[in-house]
Amino acid sequence: MSKVLRFILFALLAFVAIPSLSIAQPASITGPQRGLKVEKLSIATPAGVRSFNVEIADSPRSREIGMMWRTEVPRGTGMLFDFKTPEPATFWMENTLVPLDLIFIRADGRIANIASNAQPFSRALIPSDGPVLAVLEIGGGEARRLGLAAGQRVTHRIFAPARAKK
């Protein structure tokens, strides 16, 4: 076989194979990002305390990835985005496959606002009502089902009284 013919065959094979390559998009992550700690978090509601096992996204990379590419968020689980210092926060749902509730939490541990059932793949900006220390993401519709509301107290180690004063 001539060099030209081999080159053409190789080029054709490469052309056919390239579209089927995955471009850094895991098809379905159902568990935590590698290396994220899972911790307990609770929210006091009039109907009782609601408890969650949350992954801690406390680095720029883990916050950037967040809940992207997940096919489900089981009840009682979520992800806590720790910003380290209070700041206005804005989220969007690009590359997120399932609806999420975003719970924006002030440094004192009080819920500032909740964005319910954020739409998958949306680039619409979802803002906090003022500076927040953290955002809790849980499955879409869970905040309403559990009776979560602005003003309720979230208990987790990052909401220590000394940290709220910073």
Protein backbone atom coordinates (compact mmCIF):
# COMPACT_ATOMS: atom_id res chain seq x y z
CA MET A 1 0.00 0.00 0.00
CA SER A 2 1.40 3.37 -0.97
CA LYS A 3 2.17 6.08 1.60
CA VAL A 4 -0.48 8.35 0.07
CA LEU A 5 -3.17 5.67 0.31
CA ARG A 6 -2.19 4.89 3.93
CA PHE A 7 -2.34 8.60 4.76
CA ILE A 8 -5.82 8.91 3.21
CA LEU A 9 -7.08 5.84 5.09
CA PHE A 10 -5.62 7.16 8.35
CA ALA A 11 -7.19 10.58 7.76
CA LEU A 12 -10.59 9.01 7.03
CA LEU A 13 -10.42 6.87 10.19
CA ALA A 14 -9.46 9.89 12.28
CA PHE A 15 -12.28 11.94 10.75
CA VAL A 16 -14.82 9.23 11.62
CA ALA A 17 -13.45 8.63 15.14
CA ILE A 18 -13.13 12.25 16.32
CA PRO A 19 -16.86 13.04 16.67
CA SER A 20 -17.30 10.04 18.97
CA LEU A 21 -14.62 11.19 21.43
CA SER A 22 -15.81 12.47 24.80
CA ILE A 23 -14.82 16.08 25.43
CA ALA A 24 -14.26 16.18 29.21
CA GLN A 25 -17.93 15.58 29.97
CA PRO A 26 -18.65 12.67 32.28
CA ALA A 27 -21.97 11.25 31.14
CA SER A 28 -23.38 10.66 34.60
CA ILE A 29 -21.76 11.33 37.92
CA THR A 30 -23.93 9.94 40.68
CA GLY A 31 -21.50 10.30 43.55
CA PRO A 32 -19.30 12.97 45.01
CA GLN A 33 -16.52 14.66 43.09
CA ARG A 34 -13.26 12.93 43.86
CA GLY A 35 -11.74 14.08 47.12
CA LEU A 36 -14.66 16.15 48.46
CA LYS A 37 -15.45 15.71 52.14
CA VAL A 38 -19.00 14.77 53.10
CA GLU A 39 -20.30 16.41 56.26
CA LYS A 40 -23.57 16.80 58.19
CA LEU A 41 -25.66 19.96 57.86
CA SER A 42 -29.05 20.72 59.41
CA ILE A 43 -31.74 23.35 59.00
CA ALA A 44 -34.22 24.21 61.75
CA THR A 45 -37.78 24.55 60.39
CA PRO A 46 -41.10 24.98 62.21
CA ALA A 47 -41.84 21.32 61.39
CA GLY A 48 -38.53 20.09 62.81
CA VAL A 49 -34.85 19.80 61.94
CA ARG A 50 -33.99 18.74 58.39
CA SER A 51 -30.65 16.94 58.05
CA PHE A 52 -28.42 16.51 55.02
CA ASN A 53 -25.17 14.81 54.08
CA VAL A 54 -23.41 17.45 52.00
CA GLU A 55 -20.31 17.44 49.88
CA ILE A 56 -18.09 20.42 50.68
CA ALA A 57 -17.07 22.49 47.64
CA ASP A 58 -14.50 24.83 49.18
CA SER A 59 -11.90 25.25 46.44
CA PRO A 60 -12.26 27.27 43.23
CA ARG A 61 -12.23 24.07 41.14
CA SER A 62 -14.78 22.16 43.24
CA ARG A 63 -17.10 25.21 43.26
CA GLU A 64 -16.71 25.56 39.48
CA ILE A 65 -17.71 21.93 38.85
CA GLY A 66 -20.41 21.83 41.53
CA MET A 67 -23.23 19.46 40.62
CA MET A 68 -22.53 19.45 36.88
CA TRP A 69 -23.24 16.23 34.97
CA ARG A 70 -25.15 14.51 37.78
CA THR A 71 -28.18 12.51 36.81
CA GLU A 72 -29.76 12.59 40.28
CA VAL A 73 -29.52 14.20 43.70
CA PRO A 74 -30.87 11.76 46.28
CA ARG A 75 -33.05 13.09 49.09
CA GLY A 76 -31.06 14.08 52.15
CA THR A 77 -27.95 14.94 50.13
CA GLY A 78 -26.54 18.08 48.60
CA MET A 79 -23.48 20.22 48.07
CA LEU A 80 -22.37 23.13 50.23
CA PHE A 81 -20.38 25.81 48.41
CA ASP A 82 -18.15 27.53 50.99
CA PHE A 83 -16.89 30.93 49.78
CA LYS A 84 -14.75 31.46 52.94
CA THR A 85 -15.83 35.12 53.22
CA PRO A 86 -19.27 36.68 52.63
CA GLU A 87 -19.83 37.93 49.07
CA PRO A 88 -22.70 38.37 46.63
CA ALA A 89 -23.08 35.07 44.76
CA THR A 90 -24.48 34.31 41.33
CA PHE A 91 -25.04 30.82 39.96
CA TRP A 92 -26.24 29.36 36.67
CA MET A 93 -27.19 25.87 35.57
CA GLU A 94 -25.16 25.34 32.43
CA ASN A 95 -24.07 21.68 32.21
CA THR A 96 -26.37 20.74 35.09
CA LEU A 97 -28.67 17.87 34.13
CA VAL A 98 -31.26 17.99 36.92
CA PRO A 99 -33.30 20.80 38.53
CA LEU A 100 -31.80 22.09 41.77
CA ASP A 101 -32.88 24.26 44.68
CA LEU A 102 -30.20 26.82 45.57
CA ILE A 103 -30.25 27.95 49.19
CA PHE A 104 -28.18 31.10 49.76
CA ILE A 105 -26.90 31.33 53.36
CA ARG A 106 -25.53 34.38 55.19
CA ALA A 107 -22.44 34.26 57.40
CA ASP A 108 -24.63 34.07 60.52
CA GLY A 109 -26.15 30.80 59.24
CA ARG A 110 -29.53 32.29 58.27
CA ILE A 111 -31.05 31.52 54.88
CA ALA A 112 -31.02 34.71 52.77
CA ASN A 113 -33.08 33.43 49.84
CA ILE A 114 -33.97 30.25 47.95
CA ALA A 115 -34.06 29.77 44.18
CA SER A 116 -36.39 26.82 43.61
CA ASN A 117 -36.23 24.34 40.74
CA ALA A 118 -33.45 26.05 38.81
CA GLN A 119 -33.75 24.84 35.24
CA PRO A 120 -31.10 22.48 33.84
CA PHE A 121 -28.79 23.85 31.13
CA SER A 122 -29.94 27.43 31.74
CA ARG A 123 -27.51 30.34 31.55
CA ALA A 124 -29.94 32.59 33.42
CA LEU A 125 -28.19 34.15 36.40
CA ILE A 126 -29.47 33.17 39.84
CA PRO A 127 -28.35 35.77 42.42
CA SER A 128 -28.19 35.85 46.20
CA ASP A 129 -30.04 38.54 48.11
CA GLY A 130 -26.87 40.24 49.34
CA PRO A 131 -23.59 38.80 50.60
CA VAL A 132 -23.61 35.11 51.51
CA LEU A 133 -20.99 32.82 52.98
CA ALA A 134 -22.33 29.68 51.33
CA VAL A 135 -24.84 28.14 48.97
CA LEU A 136 -26.48 24.77 49.55
CA GLU A 137 -27.64 22.92 46.45
CA ILE A 138 -30.23 20.18 46.89
CA GLY A 139 -32.60 18.39 44.54
CA GLY A 140 -35.22 20.52 42.80
CA GLY A 141 -38.42 20.85 44.83
CA GLU A 142 -36.86 19.60 48.07
CA ALA A 143 -36.80 23.03 49.76
CA ARG A 144 -40.56 23.36 49.37
CA ARG A 145 -41.23 19.74 50.32
CA LEU A 146 -39.18 20.17 53.51
CA GLY A 147 -40.60 23.59 54.41
CA LEU A 148 -37.32 25.48 54.03
CA ALA A 149 -37.62 29.28 53.97
CA ALA A 150 -35.65 32.51 54.26
CA GLY A 151 -34.65 33.34 57.81
CA GLN A 152 -34.30 29.74 59.00
CA ARG A 153 -31.08 28.75 60.77
CA VAL A 154 -28.56 26.43 59.10
CA THR A 155 -26.18 24.56 61.39
CA HIS A 156 -22.76 23.59 60.06
CA ARG A 157 -19.20 24.24 61.22
CA ILE A 158 -18.62 27.07 58.70
CA PHE A 159 -21.33 29.18 60.32
CA ALA A 160 -19.47 29.64 63.61
CA PRO A 161 -20.23 32.96 65.36
CA ALA A 162 -16.61 34.20 65.09
CA ARG A 163 -16.61 33.65 61.34
CA ALA A 164 -19.88 35.57 60.87
CA LYS A 165 -18.26 38.75 62.23
CA LYS A 166 -15.52 38.80 59.58
